[in-house]
C-alpha atoms as a PDB file:
ATOM      1  CA  MET A   1      -8.661  12.812  17.029  1.00  0.00           C
ATOM      2  CA  ALA A   2      -8.262  16.193  15.345  1.00  0.00           C
ATOM      3  CA  LEU A   3      -8.142  16.196  11.579  1.00  0.00           C
ATOM      4  CA  SER A   4      -4.988  17.453   9.877  1.00  0.00           C
ATOM      5  CA  LYS A   5      -5.273  19.279   6.585  1.00  0.00           C
ATOM      6  CA  ILE A   6      -2.369  19.811   4.220  1.00  0.00           C
ATOM      7  CA  THR A   7      -3.281  22.478   1.672  1.00  0.00           C
ATOM      8  CA  ALA A   8      -1.518  24.010  -1.314  1.00  0.00           C
ATOM      9  CA  GLU A   9      -1.250  27.228   0.665  1.00  0.00           C
ATOM     10  CA  SER A  10       0.414  25.555   3.644  1.00  0.00           C
ATOM     11  CA  LEU A  11       2.945  23.913   1.321  1.00  0.00           C
ATOM     12  CA  ALA A  12       3.587  27.147  -0.617  1.00  0.00           C
ATOM     13  CA  THR A  13       4.118  29.230   2.536  1.00  0.00           C
ATOM     14  CA  GLY A  14       6.309  26.634   4.218  1.00  0.00           C
ATOM     15  CA  ALA A  15       3.770  25.999   6.989  1.00  0.00           C
ATOM     16  CA  VAL A  16       4.235  22.284   6.324  1.00  0.00           C
ATOM     17  CA  ALA A  17       7.589  20.675   5.608  1.00  0.00           C
ATOM     18  CA  PHE A  18       8.809  17.197   4.689  1.00  0.00           C
ATOM     19  CA  PRO A  19      12.295  17.125   6.263  1.00  0.00           C
ATOM     20  CA  HIS A  20      12.762  13.360   6.118  1.00  0.00           C
ATOM     21  CA  THR A  21      11.642  11.133   3.253  1.00  0.00           C
ATOM     22  CA  VAL A  22      12.286   7.414   2.757  1.00  0.00           C
ATOM     23  CA  GLN A  23      11.212   5.469  -0.323  1.00  0.00           C
ATOM     24  CA  THR A  24      11.387   1.809  -1.275  1.00  0.00           C
ATOM     25  CA  HIS A  25      11.030   1.325  -5.022  1.00  0.00           C
ATOM     26  CA  VAL A  26      10.406  -2.346  -5.782  1.00  0.00           C
ATOM     27  CA  ILE A  27      11.395  -3.351  -9.299  1.00  0.00           C
ATOM     28  CA  VAL A  28      11.646  -7.108  -8.757  1.00  0.00           C
ATOM     29  CA  ALA A  29       8.716  -9.292  -9.763  1.00  0.00           C
ATOM     30  CA  SER A  30       7.648 -11.728  -7.060  1.00  0.00           C
ATOM     31  CA  SER A  31       4.815 -13.962  -6.005  1.00  0.00           C
ATOM     32  CA  GLN A  32       3.414 -14.860  -2.617  1.00  0.00           C
ATOM     33  CA  SER A  33       0.586 -16.922  -1.215  1.00  0.00           C
ATOM     34  CA  ILE A  34      -2.140 -15.242   0.793  1.00  0.00           C
ATOM     35  CA  SER A  35      -4.729 -16.968   2.950  1.00  0.00           C
ATOM     36  CA  ALA A  36      -8.413 -16.073   2.700  1.00  0.00           C
ATOM     37  CA  ASN A  37      -9.466 -13.095   4.829  1.00  0.00           C
ATOM     38  CA  THR A  38      -5.975 -12.643   6.281  1.00  0.00           C
ATOM     39  CA  VAL A  39      -4.059  -9.357   6.233  1.00  0.00           C
ATOM     40  CA  THR A  40      -0.653 -10.134   4.688  1.00  0.00           C
ATOM     41  CA  ASN A  41       2.408  -7.926   4.220  1.00  0.00           C
ATOM     42  CA  ILE A  42       3.232  -7.472   0.529  1.00  0.00           C
ATOM     43  CA  THR A  43       6.684  -8.919  -0.186  1.00  0.00           C
ATOM     44  CA  ASN A  44       9.426  -6.238  -0.138  1.00  0.00           C
ATOM     45  CA  LEU A  45       6.928  -3.349  -0.009  1.00  0.00           C
ATOM     46  CA  ASN A  46       8.073  -1.822   3.273  1.00  0.00           C
ATOM     47  CA  ALA A  47      10.232   1.054   4.492  1.00  0.00           C
ATOM     48  CA  THR A  48      11.705   2.199   7.797  1.00  0.00           C
ATOM     49  CA  ILE A  49      11.896   5.755   9.102  1.00  0.00           C
ATOM     50  CA  THR A  50      13.068   7.293  12.373  1.00  0.00           C
ATOM     51  CA  PRO A  51      10.835  10.330  12.905  1.00  0.00           C
ATOM     52  CA  THR A  52      11.220  13.225  15.271  1.00  0.00           C
ATOM     53  CA  ALA A  53       8.924  12.637  18.253  1.00  0.00           C
ATOM     54  CA  GLY A  54       5.573  14.383  17.774  1.00  0.00           C
ATOM     55  CA  THR A  55       5.640  14.515  13.979  1.00  0.00           C
ATOM     56  CA  LYS A  56       3.351  12.677  11.581  1.00  0.00           C
ATOM     57  CA  ILE A  57       4.256  10.272   8.801  1.00  0.00           C
ATOM     58  CA  LEU A  58       2.564  10.444   5.397  1.00  0.00           C
ATOM     59  CA  VAL A  59       2.585   6.902   3.990  1.00  0.00           C
ATOM     60  CA  THR A  60       2.036   6.610   0.233  1.00  0.00           C
ATOM     61  CA  VAL A  61       1.712   3.212  -1.443  1.00  0.00           C
ATOM     62  CA  ARG A  62       1.545   2.358  -5.150  1.00  0.00           C
ATOM     63  CA  TRP A  63       1.101  -1.360  -5.934  1.00  0.00           C
ATOM     64  CA  ASN A  64       0.862  -3.168  -9.281  1.00  0.00           C
ATOM     65  CA  GLY A  65       0.261  -6.845  -9.930  1.00  0.00           C
ATOM     66  CA  GLU A  66      -2.404  -9.545 -10.183  1.00  0.00           C
ATOM     67  CA  GLY A  67      -3.997 -12.327  -8.220  1.00  0.00           C
ATOM     68  CA  SER A  68      -4.198 -15.916  -9.442  1.00  0.00           C
ATOM     69  CA  ASN A  69      -7.979 -15.883  -8.960  1.00  0.00           C
ATOM     70  CA  ALA A  70      -9.893 -13.679 -11.401  1.00  0.00           C
ATOM     71  CA  ALA A  71     -12.162 -12.568  -8.528  1.00  0.00           C
ATOM     72  CA  THR A  72      -9.752  -9.816  -7.450  1.00  0.00           C
ATOM     73  CA  TYR A  73     -12.623  -7.390  -6.868  1.00  0.00           C
ATOM     74  CA  ASP A  74     -12.678  -8.434  -3.190  1.00  0.00           C
ATOM     75  CA  THR A  75      -9.064  -7.355  -2.667  1.00  0.00           C
ATOM     76  CA  VAL A  76      -8.331  -4.636  -0.100  1.00  0.00           C
ATOM     77  CA  PHE A  77      -5.067  -2.879   0.757  1.00  0.00           C
ATOM     78  CA  GLY A  78      -3.796  -1.304   3.937  1.00  0.00           C
ATOM     79  CA  ILE A  79      -0.831  -0.337   6.090  1.00  0.00           C
ATOM     80  CA  ARG A  80       0.838  -1.972   9.054  1.00  0.00           C
ATOM     81  CA  ARG A  81       3.072   0.087  11.376  1.00  0.00           C
ATOM     82  CA  ASP A  82       5.499  -2.505  12.721  1.00  0.00           C
ATOM     83  CA  SER A  83       2.915  -5.131  13.802  1.00  0.00           C
ATOM     84  CA  THR A  84      -0.102  -2.795  14.204  1.00  0.00           C
ATOM     85  CA  ILE A  85      -2.643  -2.236  11.421  1.00  0.00           C
ATOM     86  CA  VAL A  86      -3.278   1.511  11.029  1.00  0.00           C
ATOM     87  CA  GLY A  87      -5.722   3.598   9.024  1.00  0.00           C
ATOM     88  CA  SER A  88      -8.474   1.008   8.697  1.00  0.00           C
ATOM     89  CA  PRO A  89     -11.987   1.640  10.000  1.00  0.00           C
ATOM     90  CA  ASP A  90     -13.271  -0.268  13.015  1.00  0.00           C
ATOM     91  CA  ALA A  91     -14.319  -3.876  12.430  1.00  0.00           C
ATOM     92  CA  ALA A  92     -17.770  -4.142  10.878  1.00  0.00           C
ATOM     93  CA  GLY A  93     -19.063  -7.679  11.330  1.00  0.00           C
ATOM     94  CA  ASN A  94     -17.718  -9.964   8.603  1.00  0.00           C
ATOM     95  CA  ARG A  95     -16.878  -7.134   6.213  1.00  0.00           C
ATOM     96  CA  ALA A  96     -13.320  -6.599   5.029  1.00  0.00           C
ATOM     97  CA  VAL A  97     -11.941  -3.357   6.449  1.00  0.00           C
ATOM     98  CA  SER A  98      -8.900  -1.554   5.096  1.00  0.00           C
ATOM     99  CA  ILE A  99      -7.806   1.693   3.419  1.00  0.00           C
ATOM    100  CA  ALA A 100      -8.305   1.037  -0.306  1.00  0.00           C
ATOM    101  CA  ILE A 101      -9.701  -1.397  -2.854  1.00  0.00           C
ATOM    102  CA  ILE A 102      -8.077  -2.784  -5.952  1.00  0.00           C
ATOM    103  CA  ALA A 103      -8.489  -1.074  -9.319  1.00  0.00           C
ATOM    104  CA  VAL A 104      -9.249  -4.063 -11.547  1.00  0.00           C
ATOM    105  CA  GLY A 105      -7.399  -3.883 -14.871  1.00  0.00           C
ATOM    106  CA  TYR A 106      -9.601  -6.443 -16.618  1.00  0.00           C
ATOM    107  CA  TRP A 107     -12.016  -9.132 -15.534  1.00  0.00           C
ATOM    108  CA  ALA A 108     -12.785 -11.987 -17.923  1.00  0.00           C
ATOM    109  CA  SER A 109     -10.712 -14.038 -20.340  1.00  0.00           C
ATOM    110  CA  ASN A 110      -7.751 -11.629 -20.110  1.00  0.00           C
ATOM    111  CA  ALA A 111      -7.700 -11.477 -16.304  1.00  0.00           C
ATOM    112  CA  ASP A 112      -4.357 -13.280 -16.080  1.00  0.00           C
ATOM    113  CA  ALA A 113      -2.550 -10.941 -18.478  1.00  0.00           C
ATOM    114  CA  THR A 114      -3.661  -7.418 -17.511  1.00  0.00           C
ATOM    115  CA  PRO A 115      -2.340  -6.039 -14.215  1.00  0.00           C
ATOM    116  CA  ASP A 116      -4.427  -4.510 -11.452  1.00  0.00           C
ATOM    117  CA  SER A 117      -3.268  -1.604  -9.311  1.00  0.00           C
ATOM    118  CA  CYS A 118      -3.865   0.337  -6.118  1.00  0.00           C
ATOM    119  CA  PHE A 119      -2.712   3.764  -4.901  1.00  0.00           C
ATOM    120  CA  TYR A 120      -3.411   5.039  -1.408  1.00  0.00           C
ATOM    121  CA  GLN A 121      -2.145   7.311   1.355  1.00  0.00           C
ATOM    122  CA  TYR A 122      -2.496   7.569   5.115  1.00  0.00           C
ATOM    123  CA  LEU A 123      -1.292  10.275   7.513  1.00  0.00           C
ATOM    124  CA  ASP A 124      -0.125   8.457  10.640  1.00  0.00           C
ATOM    125  CA  SER A 125       0.585   9.863  14.100  1.00  0.00           C
ATOM    126  CA  PRO A 126       3.048   7.346  15.577  1.00  0.00           C
ATOM    127  CA  SER A 127       3.998   9.348  18.732  1.00  0.00           C
ATOM    128  CA  THR A 128       7.568   8.049  18.820  1.00  0.00           C
ATOM    129  CA  GLY A 129      11.081   9.074  17.939  1.00  0.00           C
ATOM    130  CA  SER A 130      12.197   5.472  17.420  1.00  0.00           C
ATOM    131  CA  ALA A 131      12.579   3.612  14.122  1.00  0.00           C
ATOM    132  CA  ILE A 132       9.263   2.468  12.624  1.00  0.00           C
ATOM    133  CA  THR A 133       8.748   0.061   9.729  1.00  0.00           C
ATOM    134  CA  TYR A 134       5.647   0.493   7.588  1.00  0.00           C
ATOM    135  CA  HIS A 135       4.390  -2.425   5.485  1.00  0.00           C
ATOM    136  CA  ALA A 136       1.896  -2.327   2.623  1.00  0.00           C
ATOM    137  CA  THR A 137      -0.709  -5.055   3.190  1.00  0.00           C
ATOM    138  CA  ILE A 138      -3.159  -7.022   1.078  1.00  0.00           C
ATOM    139  CA  SER A 139      -6.176  -9.178   1.865  1.00  0.00           C
ATOM    140  CA  ASN A 140      -8.721 -11.047  -0.234  1.00  0.00           C
ATOM    141  CA  ALA A 141     -11.766 -13.188   0.530  1.00  0.00           C
ATOM    142  CA  ILE A 142     -10.190 -16.026  -1.498  1.00  0.00           C
ATOM    143  CA  ALA A 143      -6.856 -17.746  -0.806  1.00  0.00           C
ATOM    144  CA  GLN A 144      -4.609 -17.304  -3.816  1.00  0.00           C
ATOM    145  CA  THR A 145      -1.197 -16.351  -5.128  1.00  0.00           C
ATOM    146  CA  ILE A 146      -0.475 -12.663  -5.584  1.00  0.00           C
ATOM    147  CA  TYR A 147       1.928 -11.692  -8.372  1.00  0.00           C
ATOM    148  CA  ASN A 148       3.672  -8.422  -7.540  1.00  0.00           C
ATOM    149  CA  ASN A 149       4.861  -6.166 -10.390  1.00  0.00           C
ATOM    150  CA  ARG A 150       3.849  -8.675 -13.083  1.00  0.00           C
ATOM    151  CA  THR A 151       0.927 -10.505 -14.631  1.00  0.00           C
ATOM    152  CA  VAL A 152      -0.069 -14.042 -13.718  1.00  0.00           C
ATOM    153  CA  THR A 153       1.065 -15.575 -17.012  1.00  0.00           C
ATOM    154  CA  ASP A 154       4.119 -13.266 -17.325  1.00  0.00           C
ATOM    155  CA  ALA A 155       4.607 -14.242 -20.976  1.00  0.00           C
ATOM    156  CA  ASP A 156       7.360 -12.532 -22.959  1.00  0.00           C
ATOM    157  CA  SER A 157       5.112 -10.579 -25.341  1.00  0.00           C
ATOM    158  CA  VAL A 158       4.016  -6.997 -25.961  1.00  0.00           C
ATOM    159  CA  GLY A 159       0.628  -7.758 -24.388  1.00  0.00           C
ATOM    160  CA  GLN A 160       2.198  -8.573 -20.999  1.00  0.00           C
ATOM    161  CA  GLU A 161       3.346  -5.910 -18.581  1.00  0.00           C
ATOM    162  CA  ARG A 162       6.070  -5.668 -15.955  1.00  0.00           C
ATOM    163  CA  LEU A 163       5.584  -2.783 -13.523  1.00  0.00           C
ATOM    164  CA  THR A 164       6.993  -1.392 -10.285  1.00  0.00           C
ATOM    165  CA  SER A 165       5.594  -0.624  -6.837  1.00  0.00           C
ATOM    166  CA  THR A 166       6.631   1.909  -4.195  1.00  0.00           C
ATOM    167  CA  ILE A 167       6.112   2.823  -0.585  1.00  0.00           C
ATOM    168  CA  THR A 168       7.131   6.341   0.412  1.00  0.00           C
ATOM    169  CA  LEU A 169       7.344   7.663   3.973  1.00  0.00           C
ATOM    170  CA  GLN A 170       7.440  11.429   4.515  1.00  0.00           C
ATOM    171  CA  GLU A 171       7.843  13.011   7.907  1.00  0.00           C
ATOM    172  CA  VAL A 172       5.364  15.892   8.134  1.00  0.00           C
ATOM    173  CA  VAL A 173       6.320  18.829  10.340  1.00  0.00           C
ATOM    174  CA  ALA A 174       3.867  21.645  10.981  1.00  0.00           C
ATOM    175  CA  PRO A 175       5.072  24.640  12.992  1.00  0.00           C
END
């Protein structure tokens, strides 16, 4: 597969355009159970786009939240196009494979009150002109509850945060 490169020059000269953009901005706090070593769609963090055939889709994901188990350092994030996982490397034995790892906010006694986060992008080549739904995914080596856009304890105090998450789809057209 040929590599695509989007540069400042190509954006400035109009050699690359983003004619169609879709964003889902999730402001609602939620929780969901995830099974150990299972790729799971993150609740509400998905968007649908109908691209022009032959174009690429730049998928950008920003997630905030926490896991119920303090061992969040084994958490990985990815993208699913409809039902197909995209952007991850080939399987490597028992290793977790995905696009990005979690940025741990705090690990110790305050692990249930300081959110973690992840930001990642993937340039997909879907080869279709039909509607596609992209889902942000999460996986961890330990079964647990994931708290999206909030901390585990979610206490009403200045030391507890409520955040948002987004998934943005941009159709990339290069002349």
